[in-house]
Amino acid sequence: MNVRNPIMMLITKPQYEKLLAGGQRNMEPVIKLFGGPITWLVTGIDEAGILWGYGDISQGYVEFGTLCHVSELPTLKCGIGFIERDYYFTHKPGTKYLGLESLSGI
């Protein structure tokens, strides 16, 4: 399953399959989504289609939990534009995301 919004591919089929395999217990980010003040590092998708991962909404801390339903991604807007995917994001093993004040620049 590919997930895209009007401007770009948000989740490719291989990424989607990796997220499904991770479910809600995986702590290793697969993709980075961002827009306006929001940065998400998505780690998995559960059986109901809920995305799990690290969330930063520019409040000075990072949380782990549910982000949104995968069907909502194509319509989400932050600020003046749609949510985007960071094509260059790669997980760095050993990174303690929950200890960070922000996911910006990761």
C-alpha atoms as a PDB file:
ATOM      1  CA  MET A   1       0.000   0.000   0.000  1.00  0.00           C
ATOM      2  CA  ASN A   2       1.384   3.395  -1.006  1.00  0.00           C
ATOM      3  CA  VAL A   3       0.216   6.472   0.905  1.00  0.00           C
ATOM      4  CA  ARG A   4       0.494   9.841  -0.816  1.00  0.00           C
ATOM      5  CA  ASN A   5      -0.880  13.343  -0.542  1.00  0.00           C
ATOM      6  CA  PRO A   6      -1.281  15.793  -3.459  1.00  0.00           C
ATOM      7  CA  ILE A   7       2.411  16.763  -3.392  1.00  0.00           C
ATOM      8  CA  MET A   8       4.409  13.623  -2.534  1.00  0.00           C
ATOM      9  CA  MET A   9       4.604   9.950  -1.582  1.00  0.00           C
ATOM     10  CA  LEU A  10       4.403   9.757   2.217  1.00  0.00           C
ATOM     11  CA  ILE A  11       4.808   5.999   2.712  1.00  0.00           C
ATOM     12  CA  THR A  12       6.061   3.603   0.044  1.00  0.00           C
ATOM     13  CA  LYS A  13       4.897  -0.012  -0.107  1.00  0.00           C
ATOM     14  CA  PRO A  14       8.196  -1.382   1.352  1.00  0.00           C
ATOM     15  CA  GLN A  15       8.055   1.180   4.173  1.00  0.00           C
ATOM     16  CA  TYR A  16       4.401   0.325   4.850  1.00  0.00           C
ATOM     17  CA  GLU A  17       5.266  -3.368   5.112  1.00  0.00           C
ATOM     18  CA  LYS A  18       8.124  -2.583   7.511  1.00  0.00           C
ATOM     19  CA  LEU A  19       5.797  -0.418   9.623  1.00  0.00           C
ATOM     20  CA  LEU A  20       3.191  -3.205   9.726  1.00  0.00           C
ATOM     21  CA  ALA A  21       5.831  -5.669  10.869  1.00  0.00           C
ATOM     22  CA  GLY A  22       6.836  -3.229  13.626  1.00  0.00           C
ATOM     23  CA  GLY A  23       3.302  -2.754  14.925  1.00  0.00           C
ATOM     24  CA  GLN A  24       2.929  -0.646  18.042  1.00  0.00           C
ATOM     25  CA  ARG A  25       5.917  -2.063  19.911  1.00  0.00           C
ATOM     26  CA  ASN A  26       8.730  -1.103  17.528  1.00  0.00           C
ATOM     27  CA  MET A  27      10.847   1.788  18.824  1.00  0.00           C
ATOM     28  CA  GLU A  28      13.049   2.217  15.724  1.00  0.00           C
ATOM     29  CA  PRO A  29      11.815   4.939  13.338  1.00  0.00           C
ATOM     30  CA  VAL A  30      11.171   3.975   9.716  1.00  0.00           C
ATOM     31  CA  ILE A  31      10.128   7.358   8.288  1.00  0.00           C
ATOM     32  CA  LYS A  32      10.140  11.016   9.308  1.00  0.00           C
ATOM     33  CA  LEU A  33       7.109  13.198   8.582  1.00  0.00           C
ATOM     34  CA  PHE A  34       6.998  16.937   9.229  1.00  0.00           C
ATOM     35  CA  GLY A  35       5.011  20.085   8.645  1.00  0.00           C
ATOM     36  CA  GLY A  36       4.760  23.391  10.461  1.00  0.00           C
ATOM     37  CA  PRO A  37       5.608  22.794  14.141  1.00  0.00           C
ATOM     38  CA  ILE A  38       5.070  19.007  13.917  1.00  0.00           C
ATOM     39  CA  THR A  39       7.755  16.354  13.485  1.00  0.00           C
ATOM     40  CA  TRP A  40       6.879  12.639  13.633  1.00  0.00           C
ATOM     41  CA  LEU A  41       9.225   9.667  13.526  1.00  0.00           C
ATOM     42  CA  VAL A  42       6.903   6.819  12.570  1.00  0.00           C
ATOM     43  CA  THR A  43       7.870   3.417  13.989  1.00  0.00           C
ATOM     44  CA  GLY A  44       4.873   1.194  13.209  1.00  0.00           C
ATOM     45  CA  ILE A  45       1.254   0.672  12.220  1.00  0.00           C
ATOM     46  CA  ASP A  46      -1.098  -1.476  14.291  1.00  0.00           C
ATOM     47  CA  GLU A  47      -3.878  -3.784  13.027  1.00  0.00           C
ATOM     48  CA  ALA A  48      -6.408  -0.928  13.105  1.00  0.00           C
ATOM     49  CA  GLY A  49      -4.256   1.316  10.865  1.00  0.00           C
ATOM     50  CA  ILE A  50      -3.067   3.609  13.655  1.00  0.00           C
ATOM     51  CA  LEU A  51       0.434   5.021  13.199  1.00  0.00           C
ATOM     52  CA  TRP A  52       2.786   4.786  16.186  1.00  0.00           C
ATOM     53  CA  GLY A  53       5.965   6.692  16.834  1.00  0.00           C
ATOM     54  CA  TYR A  54       7.717   9.673  18.335  1.00  0.00           C
ATOM     55  CA  GLY A  55       5.952  13.009  18.195  1.00  0.00           C
ATOM     56  CA  ASP A  56       7.258  16.536  18.625  1.00  0.00           C
ATOM     57  CA  ILE A  57       4.847  19.472  18.452  1.00  0.00           C
ATOM     58  CA  SER A  58       7.427  22.094  19.494  1.00  0.00           C
ATOM     59  CA  GLN A  59       6.560  22.031  23.199  1.00  0.00           C
ATOM     60  CA  GLY A  60      10.102  21.263  24.403  1.00  0.00           C
ATOM     61  CA  TYR A  61       9.803  17.491  24.703  1.00  0.00           C
ATOM     62  CA  VAL A  62       9.271  14.353  22.618  1.00  0.00           C
ATOM     63  CA  GLU A  63       6.517  11.791  23.274  1.00  0.00           C
ATOM     64  CA  PHE A  64       5.937   8.215  22.094  1.00  0.00           C
ATOM     65  CA  GLY A  65       2.469   6.932  21.220  1.00  0.00           C
ATOM     66  CA  THR A  66      -0.255   7.080  18.601  1.00  0.00           C
ATOM     67  CA  LEU A  67       0.065   9.697  15.862  1.00  0.00           C
ATOM     68  CA  CYS A  68      -2.987   9.362  13.585  1.00  0.00           C
ATOM     69  CA  HIS A  69      -4.832   6.856  11.390  1.00  0.00           C
ATOM     70  CA  VAL A  70      -2.979   6.083   8.166  1.00  0.00           C
ATOM     71  CA  SER A  71      -6.047   7.108   6.121  1.00  0.00           C
ATOM     72  CA  GLU A  72      -5.802  10.655   7.542  1.00  0.00           C
ATOM     73  CA  LEU A  73      -2.228  11.248   6.348  1.00  0.00           C
ATOM     74  CA  PRO A  74      -3.075  12.371   2.789  1.00  0.00           C
ATOM     75  CA  THR A  75      -5.308  15.172   4.082  1.00  0.00           C
ATOM     76  CA  LEU A  76      -3.262  16.476   7.023  1.00  0.00           C
ATOM     77  CA  LYS A  77      -2.093  20.070   6.743  1.00  0.00           C
ATOM     78  CA  CYS A  78       0.213  21.975   9.065  1.00  0.00           C
ATOM     79  CA  GLY A  79       0.496  25.677   8.627  1.00  0.00           C
ATOM     80  CA  ILE A  80       0.065  26.490   4.952  1.00  0.00           C
ATOM     81  CA  GLY A  81       0.970  23.119   3.456  1.00  0.00           C
ATOM     82  CA  PHE A  82       0.590  19.374   3.616  1.00  0.00           C
ATOM     83  CA  ILE A  83       2.610  17.031   5.822  1.00  0.00           C
ATOM     84  CA  GLU A  84       5.836  16.036   4.022  1.00  0.00           C
ATOM     85  CA  ARG A  85       8.262  13.117   4.263  1.00  0.00           C
ATOM     86  CA  ASP A  86      11.976  13.636   4.808  1.00  0.00           C
ATOM     87  CA  TYR A  87      13.494  11.574   1.980  1.00  0.00           C
ATOM     88  CA  TYR A  88      16.938  11.748   3.611  1.00  0.00           C
ATOM     89  CA  PHE A  89      16.028  10.602   7.128  1.00  0.00           C
ATOM     90  CA  THR A  90      17.871   7.546   8.441  1.00  0.00           C
ATOM     91  CA  HIS A  91      17.605   6.134  11.938  1.00  0.00           C
ATOM     92  CA  LYS A  92      20.846   6.354  13.876  1.00  0.00           C
ATOM     93  CA  PRO A  93      21.114   3.289  16.172  1.00  0.00           C
ATOM     94  CA  GLY A  94      21.507   4.203  19.821  1.00  0.00           C
ATOM     95  CA  THR A  95      19.663   7.526  19.556  1.00  0.00           C
ATOM     96  CA  LYS A  96      17.452   8.159  22.602  1.00  0.00           C
ATOM     97  CA  TYR A  97      14.604  10.088  20.958  1.00  0.00           C
ATOM     98  CA  LEU A  98      12.548  10.391  24.149  1.00  0.00           C
ATOM     99  CA  GLY A  99      15.394  12.246  25.847  1.00  0.00           C
ATOM    100  CA  LEU A 100      15.488  14.965  23.197  1.00  0.00           C
ATOM    101  CA  GLU A 101      13.835  18.376  23.485  1.00  0.00           C
ATOM    102  CA  SER A 102      13.037  18.383  19.759  1.00  0.00           C
ATOM    103  CA  LEU A 103      13.044  16.147  16.698  1.00  0.00           C
ATOM    104  CA  SER A 104      13.746  19.083  14.372  1.00  0.00           C
ATOM    105  CA  GLY A 105      17.015  18.622  12.561  1.00  0.00           C
ATOM    106  CA  ILE A 106      17.167  14.869  13.256  1.00  0.00           C
END
